[in-house]
Protein backbone atom coordinates (compact mmCIF):
# COMPACT_ATOMS: atom_id res chain seq x y z
CA LYS A 1 58.32 95.77 110.13
CA GLY A 2 57.15 95.06 106.59
CA GLY A 3 57.38 91.85 104.68
CA GLN A 4 56.78 90.05 101.41
CA GLN A 5 54.60 86.96 101.33
CA PHE A 6 54.95 84.23 98.70
CA LEU A 7 53.00 81.05 98.01
CA VAL A 8 55.46 78.37 96.89
CA SER A 9 54.63 74.96 95.42
CA VAL A 10 57.00 72.03 96.01
CA TYR A 11 56.80 68.63 94.30
CA ASN A 12 59.20 65.89 95.36
CA GLU A 13 59.81 63.19 92.73
CA LYS A 14 62.28 61.25 94.86
CA GLU A 15 61.95 59.34 98.13
CA ALA A 16 60.38 61.05 101.15
CA PHE A 17 62.64 63.32 103.18
CA ASN A 18 62.28 64.55 106.76
CA ASN A 19 64.15 67.48 108.28
CA VAL A 20 64.69 69.30 104.99
CA SER A 21 66.36 72.67 105.46
CA LEU A 22 64.62 75.20 103.21
CA GLN A 23 66.33 78.57 102.91
CA TYR A 24 64.65 81.29 100.89
CA TRP A 25 65.60 84.85 100.13
CA ILE A 26 65.02 87.90 97.96
CA GLU A 27 67.84 89.18 95.74
CA ASP A 28 68.02 92.22 93.56
CA LEU A 29 69.15 91.65 89.97
CA LYS A 30 72.71 92.66 90.94
CA GLY A 31 72.89 89.66 93.31
CA LYS A 32 72.52 91.56 96.60
CA THR A 33 70.58 89.55 99.22
CA ILE A 34 67.83 91.68 100.72
CA SER A 35 66.22 89.23 103.12
CA LEU A 36 66.90 85.61 104.11
CA GLU A 37 64.82 83.13 106.14
CA ALA A 38 64.97 79.38 106.80
CA ILE A 39 62.51 76.71 107.90
CA THR A 40 62.62 72.95 108.36
CA ILE A 41 60.05 70.93 106.40
CA SER A 42 59.20 67.35 105.47
CA LEU A 43 58.79 66.33 101.84
CA PRO A 44 56.61 63.30 101.15
CA LYS A 45 57.22 61.33 97.95
CA LYS A 46 55.22 62.32 94.83
CA GLU A 47 52.98 64.80 96.61
CA GLN A 48 52.60 68.49 95.87
CA GLN A 49 52.79 70.78 98.88
CA PHE A 50 52.21 74.50 99.24
CA PHE A 51 54.08 76.74 101.65
CA SER A 52 53.25 80.32 102.51
CA LEU A 53 56.60 81.99 103.04
CA LEU A 54 56.99 85.36 104.73
CA LEU A 55 60.19 87.32 104.30
CA ALA A 56 60.64 90.17 106.73
CA SER A 57 62.04 92.98 104.65
CA PRO A 58 61.96 96.71 104.28
CA SER A 59 59.63 98.07 101.64
CA LEU A 60 61.08 97.10 98.30
CA ALA A 61 61.64 99.82 95.73
CA LEU A 62 59.89 99.52 92.38
CA GLY A 63 61.70 97.08 90.13
CA ARG A 64 62.50 93.43 89.45
CA TYR A 65 63.74 90.96 92.05
CA LEU A 66 64.43 87.25 92.43
CA LEU A 67 62.89 84.93 94.99
CA LYS A 68 65.37 82.10 95.50
CA ALA A 69 64.93 78.89 97.49
CA GLU A 70 67.41 76.18 98.38
CA ALA A 71 66.41 72.81 99.82
CA ILE A 72 69.05 70.66 101.52
CA MET A 73 68.08 67.05 102.22
CA ALA A 74 70.37 64.15 103.11
CA ASN A 75 73.32 64.57 100.74
CA GLU A 76 71.38 66.48 98.10
CA LYS A 77 70.81 70.14 97.40
CA ASP A 78 68.30 71.73 95.03
CA ILE A 79 67.88 75.41 94.20
CA SER A 80 65.12 77.25 92.39
CA GLU A 81 64.35 80.87 91.58
CA ALA A 82 61.54 83.01 90.22
CA GLU A 83 61.59 86.62 89.11
CA PHE A 84 58.94 89.06 90.30
CA GLU A 85 58.32 92.77 89.92
CA ILE A 86 57.19 95.48 92.32
CA VAL A 87 54.97 97.90 90.38
CA PRO A 88 53.02 101.00 91.42
CA VAL A 89 49.56 100.17 92.76
CA GLU A 90 47.99 102.32 90.03
CA ASP A 91 49.67 100.26 87.29
CA TYR A 92 48.53 97.02 88.92
CA ARG A 93 44.93 98.26 89.24
CA THR A 94 44.94 99.43 85.62
CA LYS A 95 46.25 96.05 84.41
CA VAL A 96 43.66 94.10 86.44
CA LEU A 97 40.82 96.32 85.18
CA GLU A 98 42.02 95.91 81.57
CA GLU A 99 42.10 92.12 81.97
CA LEU A 100 38.59 92.17 83.46
CA ASP A 101 37.32 94.36 80.62
CA ASN A 102 38.87 92.02 78.02
CA GLY A 103 37.36 89.00 79.75
CA LEU A 104 33.92 90.60 79.87
CA LEU A 105 34.12 91.60 76.20
CA GLU A 106 35.05 88.02 75.26
CA LEU A 107 32.15 86.68 77.30
CA ILE A 108 29.73 89.12 75.64
CA ARG A 109 30.98 88.04 72.19
CA GLU A 110 30.47 84.38 73.08
CA ILE A 111 26.92 85.04 74.29
CA ALA A 112 26.09 87.19 71.23
CA PHE A 113 27.15 84.44 68.78
CA ARG A 114 25.21 81.62 70.41
């Protein structure tokens, strides 16, 4: 069974909360839920935390999707979303290599003008 893994950052500006229900899911851009999971977490006050979230899902087709998360604590609810794209591996490799080439060229220019 395949899955998508996400690293999510959470910063709580309010008082500390225990037993926070965190639901997270993938949606296509038409609003169809593809996969949904839930965990219970604690949120300390004014501290950034990172969570590695795994969503069991079939292989996603190429295209754009939304990762949505909803935290329910005490009498409050907060929701957040981020768009991501599934691209062919070849396109990803090409983009990474282009960025590396550009970075190396910039570094060479900096060294040459010292």
